[in-house]
Amino acid sequence: MAAQLLRMEEIEMAMGLLDGKVVLVTGGSSGIGAAAAQALAGEGATVIVGYHHGKDRADSLCERLPGQGHASAHVPLENEARHGELARWIEAGWGRLDVLVNSAGYTRKVAHDDLQTMTPALFNEVLLANAGGPYSITRALMPLLRASGDAVVVNVSSVSAFTGLGSNIAYCAAKAALDTLTRSLARAFGPQVRFLAVSPAAVDTDFVAGRSREELMAKAASTPLGRAVTPEDVARAVLACVTHLRTSTGARIVIDGGHTL
C-alpha cells in the first residue's frame, strides 16, 4: 500500500496542476499578464495570450511558454463585437475555456485634485478600460466558462480600490467597481464559476506612464516587507487562486507587502 501511494505521488508530481485546461489571459503580452501566462503554462495549461497593441510580444511569449498549443489573440477592451468573435474562436479552436485572467487595463498619472485634466471623457475612458472591458469580456465568455463546470475568473484589481490612492481618481473608482463586480458575479454564477480579485500595490512595471522607478521603490521601502511587488508575485497569487483556493470565491487577495497596514 505504501508503495502504491508513493507511485501515485510521483505521478501527481509529474503532472501539472492545470494539464488539459485552457486559459485566456488578457493584457498577456507584458507585465503582470505575461508573468501570469508563464505561471499558468508552467502548470500545464494551454494559454491564449490576449493583447491590444503588442502582437509581436504576444507571439514571442507564446513561443517561449512551456508546453504546446498556445496562441495569441487580439482582445481590445472596448470592442463588444470582438469579444463575441473571440468566444466563438476559442470554442472552435479548443472547445473549452477553464480560466480567464482579466489583466488588461489602462491608466495615466493625474493628480487627484486636477479635475481640469480629469475630464468626464477621460474618467469614462479609464472606467471602461478597467471595469467595463473586463465585464464585456467575461460576459462574452461566460457560456464557455459555465460549461467547464469548474472555471475560475481572476480579475487583476488594485489596493487603490479600497484606499482611494492611486494614479488618478478614475482608476481608483474603476478598480472599486471591478471588486464589486467580482463579488456580484461570484454570487450569481457559483458553483460552476469562481470569481476572485488579486489586489497588488504599485507593481514594478512601466504600467503607469510618468511614474519613476525611484518613486515606486521609495514607497516600497517604507512598507513592512520593504520591497516592491513584482509581476511574478502577482502571477503566483493568480496561480494560487486557480489551483489552491478551491473554496474561495468573491474574495479579494491583497498582495501589497503590507502597504495598506
Protein backbone atom coordinates (compact mmCIF):
# COMPACT_ATOMS: atom_id res chain seq x y z
CA MET A 1 0.00 0.00 0.00
CA ALA A 2 2.79 2.41 0.88
CA ALA A 3 4.48 1.69 -2.46
CA GLN A 4 1.21 2.36 -4.31
CA LEU A 5 0.77 5.69 -2.53
CA LEU A 6 4.34 6.63 -3.38
CA ARG A 7 3.76 5.89 -7.07
CA MET A 8 0.60 8.00 -7.04
CA GLU A 9 2.53 10.91 -5.51
CA GLU A 10 5.21 10.56 -8.20
CA ILE A 11 2.55 10.60 -10.94
CA GLU A 12 0.89 13.71 -9.46
CA MET A 13 4.25 15.49 -9.21
CA ALA A 14 4.98 14.67 -12.86
CA MET A 15 1.64 16.14 -13.96
CA GLY A 16 0.92 19.84 -13.99
CA LEU A 17 -1.92 21.07 -11.85
CA LEU A 18 -3.56 22.55 -14.96
CA ASP A 19 -2.96 19.80 -17.51
CA GLY A 20 -5.77 19.82 -20.08
CA LYS A 21 -7.04 23.27 -19.04
CA VAL A 22 -7.42 26.20 -21.45
CA VAL A 23 -6.67 29.69 -20.17
CA LEU A 24 -7.15 33.18 -21.60
CA VAL A 25 -5.01 35.98 -20.16
CA THR A 26 -5.96 39.46 -21.35
CA GLY A 27 -3.16 42.01 -21.36
CA GLY A 28 -0.90 38.99 -21.61
CA SER A 29 1.85 40.38 -23.81
CA SER A 30 3.74 42.13 -21.00
CA GLY A 31 3.92 42.87 -17.28
CA ILE A 32 1.53 41.06 -14.94
CA GLY A 33 -0.30 39.34 -17.79
CA ALA A 34 2.87 37.86 -19.26
CA ALA A 35 4.01 36.64 -15.85
CA ALA A 36 0.59 35.05 -15.26
CA ALA A 37 0.71 33.33 -18.65
CA GLN A 38 4.11 31.87 -17.80
CA ALA A 39 2.98 30.66 -14.38
CA LEU A 40 -0.19 29.01 -15.71
CA ALA A 41 1.58 27.39 -18.67
CA GLY A 42 4.18 26.10 -16.24
CA GLU A 43 1.44 24.04 -14.61
CA GLY A 44 0.39 22.50 -17.92
CA ALA A 45 -2.30 24.92 -19.13
CA THR A 46 -2.76 25.81 -22.77
CA VAL A 47 -2.64 29.62 -22.77
CA ILE A 48 -4.25 32.11 -25.11
CA VAL A 49 -2.28 35.34 -24.75
CA GLY A 50 -4.60 38.31 -25.25
CA TYR A 51 -3.09 41.56 -26.47
CA HIS A 52 -4.25 45.01 -27.57
CA HIS A 53 -1.27 46.54 -29.40
CA GLY A 54 1.52 44.08 -28.56
CA LYS A 55 1.02 41.31 -31.16
CA ASP A 56 4.74 40.74 -31.66
CA ARG A 57 5.31 40.48 -27.91
CA ALA A 58 2.35 38.11 -27.53
CA ASP A 59 3.55 35.86 -30.38
CA SER A 60 7.06 35.80 -28.94
CA LEU A 61 5.73 34.89 -25.49
CA CYS A 62 3.66 32.01 -26.95
CA GLU A 63 6.83 30.58 -28.49
CA ARG A 64 8.64 30.69 -25.13
CA LEU A 65 5.89 29.20 -22.98
CA PRO A 66 6.35 25.59 -21.87
CA GLY A 67 4.04 23.08 -23.50
CA GLN A 68 2.19 23.26 -26.81
CA GLY A 69 -0.94 24.70 -28.35
CA HIS A 70 -0.55 28.27 -27.09
CA ALA A 71 -1.81 31.12 -29.26
CA SER A 72 -2.20 34.89 -29.26
CA ALA A 73 -5.47 36.77 -29.76
CA HIS A 74 -6.39 40.40 -30.31
CA VAL A 75 -8.55 41.40 -27.32
CA PRO A 76 -9.33 45.14 -27.30
CA LEU A 77 -11.12 46.22 -24.15
CA GLU A 78 -13.76 48.43 -25.75
CA ASN A 79 -14.96 46.23 -28.63
CA GLU A 80 -18.01 44.16 -27.65
CA ALA A 81 -18.35 42.60 -31.11
CA ARG A 82 -14.75 41.41 -30.96
CA HIS A 83 -15.41 39.77 -27.59
CA GLY A 84 -18.18 37.72 -29.15
CA GLU A 85 -15.90 36.74 -32.04
CA LEU A 86 -13.25 35.74 -29.51
CA ALA A 87 -15.66 33.39 -27.72
CA ARG A 88 -16.59 31.68 -30.99
CA TRP A 89 -12.93 31.40 -32.00
CA ILE A 90 -11.96 29.78 -28.68
CA GLU A 91 -14.86 27.34 -28.89
CA ALA A 92 -13.93 26.37 -32.46
CA GLY A 93 -10.22 26.02 -31.71
CA TRP A 94 -10.16 24.46 -28.25
CA GLY A 95 -13.74 23.55 -27.42
CA ARG A 96 -13.46 24.85 -23.87
CA LEU A 97 -12.29 27.62 -21.56
CA ASP A 98 -11.44 26.92 -17.94
CA VAL A 99 -9.69 30.06 -16.69
CA LEU A 100 -9.98 33.75 -17.56
CA VAL A 101 -7.46 36.23 -16.19
CA ASN A 102 -8.59 39.82 -16.73
CA SER A 103 -5.21 41.52 -16.55
CA ALA A 104 -5.60 44.17 -19.25
CA GLY A 105 -6.18 47.74 -18.15
CA TYR A 106 -5.16 51.32 -18.66
CA THR A 107 -4.34 54.35 -16.57
CA ARG A 108 -2.33 57.57 -16.60
CA LYS A 109 -0.93 59.70 -13.84
CA VAL A 110 -3.25 62.60 -12.95
CA ALA A 111 -3.21 64.38 -9.59
CA HIS A 112 -6.43 63.73 -7.69
CA ASP A 113 -7.16 67.44 -7.35
CA ASP A 114 -6.59 68.13 -11.05
CA LEU A 115 -10.20 68.00 -12.16
CA GLN A 116 -9.47 70.05 -15.27
CA THR A 117 -7.29 67.27 -16.66
CA MET A 118 -9.61 64.54 -15.40
CA THR A 119 -12.40 65.36 -17.82
CA PRO A 120 -15.59 63.28 -17.89
CA ALA A 121 -14.35 61.77 -21.16
CA LEU A 122 -11.06 60.66 -19.60
CA PHE A 123 -12.87 59.41 -16.49
CA ASN A 124 -15.15 57.24 -18.63
CA GLU A 125 -12.21 56.03 -20.72
CA VAL A 126 -10.39 54.77 -17.62
CA LEU A 127 -13.60 53.27 -16.22
CA LEU A 128 -14.26 51.39 -19.45
CA ALA A 129 -10.73 50.03 -19.66
CA ASN A 130 -10.58 48.76 -16.08
CA ALA A 131 -14.18 47.72 -15.33
CA GLY A 132 -16.38 47.83 -18.44
CA GLY A 133 -13.87 45.96 -20.59
CA PRO A 134 -13.38 43.06 -18.15
CA TYR A 135 -17.16 42.85 -17.77
CA SER A 136 -17.75 42.68 -21.52
CA ILE A 137 -15.07 40.02 -22.00
CA THR A 138 -16.38 37.95 -19.09
CA ARG A 139 -19.95 38.25 -20.36
CA ALA A 140 -18.99 37.00 -23.83
CA LEU A 141 -17.04 34.05 -22.43
CA MET A 142 -19.49 33.05 -19.71
CA PRO A 143 -21.16 30.23 -21.70
CA LEU A 144 -17.77 28.55 -22.19
CA LEU A 145 -16.77 29.12 -18.57
CA ARG A 146 -20.03 27.70 -17.22
CA ALA A 147 -19.72 24.67 -19.50
CA SER A 148 -16.33 23.92 -17.92
CA GLY A 149 -18.11 23.27 -14.63
CA ASP A 150 -15.01 24.18 -12.63
CA ALA A 151 -13.92 27.50 -14.08
CA VAL A 152 -12.15 30.44 -12.46
CA VAL A 153 -12.10 34.13 -13.36
CA VAL A 154 -9.31 36.15 -11.77
CA ASN A 155 -9.61 39.92 -12.02
CA VAL A 156 -6.41 41.90 -11.56
CA SER A 157 -7.50 44.74 -9.32
CA SER A 158 -5.52 47.07 -7.04
CA VAL A 159 -5.36 48.28 -3.46
CA SER A 160 -6.45 51.60 -5.00
CA ALA A 161 -9.97 50.14 -4.98
CA PHE A 162 -10.22 50.47 -1.21
CA THR A 163 -7.55 53.04 -0.32
CA GLY A 164 -8.67 55.69 -2.81
CA LEU A 165 -4.99 56.28 -3.54
CA GLY A 166 -3.61 55.65 -6.98
CA SER A 167 -2.64 57.02 -10.37
CA ASN A 168 -5.89 59.01 -10.64
CA ILE A 169 -9.37 59.14 -9.14
CA ALA A 170 -10.97 57.38 -12.12
CA TYR A 171 -8.58 54.44 -11.70
CA CYS A 172 -9.49 54.11 -8.03
CA ALA A 173 -13.20 54.19 -8.88
CA ALA A 174 -12.77 51.67 -11.69
CA LYS A 175 -10.94 49.16 -9.52
CA ALA A 176 -13.58 49.54 -6.80
CA ALA A 177 -16.18 48.74 -9.47
CA LEU A 178 -14.15 45.71 -10.54
CA ASP A 179 -14.03 44.42 -6.96
CA THR A 180 -17.79 44.77 -6.60
CA LEU A 181 -18.29 43.11 -9.98
CA THR A 182 -16.16 40.20 -8.74
CA ARG A 183 -18.39 39.74 -5.69
CA SER A 184 -21.65 40.05 -7.63
CA LEU A 185 -20.63 37.56 -10.31
CA ALA A 186 -19.33 35.11 -7.70
CA ARG A 187 -22.73 35.12 -6.04
CA ALA A 188 -24.57 34.72 -9.33
CA PHE A 189 -22.53 32.02 -11.05
CA GLY A 190 -21.30 29.60 -8.40
CA PRO A 191 -20.64 26.75 -8.24
CA GLN A 192 -19.74 26.43 -11.94
CA VAL A 193 -17.51 29.52 -11.94
CA ARG A 194 -15.45 31.04 -9.13
CA PHE A 195 -14.50 34.73 -9.22
CA LEU A 196 -11.55 36.21 -7.36
CA ALA A 197 -9.68 39.53 -7.41
CA VAL A 198 -5.96 39.93 -6.76
CA SER A 199 -5.08 43.36 -5.40
CA PRO A 200 -1.44 44.44 -5.55
CA ALA A 201 0.02 47.76 -4.54
CA ALA A 202 2.14 49.50 -7.17
CA VAL A 203 3.85 46.80 -9.24
CA ASP A 204 7.38 47.08 -10.61
CA THR A 205 6.36 47.58 -14.25
CA ASP A 206 6.02 50.54 -16.62
CA PHE A 207 2.19 50.38 -16.44
CA VAL A 208 1.83 53.95 -15.16
CA ALA A 209 3.43 56.41 -17.57
CA GLY A 210 5.19 59.20 -15.72
CA ARG A 211 5.84 57.19 -12.55
CA SER A 212 9.54 56.79 -11.89
CA ARG A 213 11.01 53.54 -10.62
CA GLU A 214 12.76 55.53 -7.89
CA GLU A 215 9.37 56.75 -6.64
CA LEU A 216 7.98 53.22 -6.62
CA MET A 217 11.00 51.80 -4.78
CA ALA A 218 10.94 54.55 -2.18
CA LYS A 219 7.32 53.78 -1.35
CA ALA A 220 8.04 50.04 -1.26
CA ALA A 221 10.93 50.54 1.15
CA SER A 222 8.55 52.07 3.70
CA THR A 223 6.25 49.01 3.79
CA PRO A 224 6.57 46.25 6.42
CA LEU A 225 8.13 43.84 3.90
CA GLY A 226 10.35 46.54 2.43
CA ARG A 227 10.19 45.57 -1.23
CA ALA A 228 8.18 46.29 -4.34
CA VAL A 229 5.57 43.89 -5.66
CA THR A 230 6.79 42.20 -8.84
CA PRO A 231 4.76 40.81 -11.76
CA GLU A 232 5.85 37.36 -10.63
CA ASP A 233 4.38 38.00 -7.17
CA VAL A 234 1.03 38.78 -8.75
CA ALA A 235 1.31 35.79 -11.09
CA ARG A 236 1.85 33.44 -8.16
CA ALA A 237 -1.25 34.86 -6.49
CA VAL A 238 -3.24 34.31 -9.70
CA LEU A 239 -1.99 30.73 -9.86
CA ALA A 240 -2.95 30.14 -6.23
CA CYS A 241 -6.46 31.44 -6.91
CA VAL A 242 -6.85 28.92 -9.71
CA THR A 243 -5.18 25.87 -8.17
CA HIS A 244 -5.28 26.12 -4.38
CA LEU A 245 -8.00 28.46 -3.13
CA ARG A 246 -10.67 25.95 -4.08
CA THR A 247 -13.27 27.18 -1.60
CA SER A 248 -12.68 30.89 -2.16
CA THR A 249 -14.96 32.96 -4.36
CA GLY A 250 -15.96 36.61 -4.36
CA ALA A 251 -12.84 37.38 -2.32
CA ARG A 252 -10.06 39.93 -2.66
CA ILE A 253 -6.49 38.63 -2.29
CA VAL A 254 -4.25 41.51 -1.18
CA ILE A 255 -0.59 41.24 -2.21
CA ASP A 256 0.93 44.57 -1.23
CA GLY A 257 3.87 43.85 1.05
CA GLY A 258 1.88 45.37 3.91
CA HIS A 259 1.43 48.68 2.10
CA THR A 260 -2.12 49.11 3.41
CA LEU A 261 -1.40 48.22 7.05
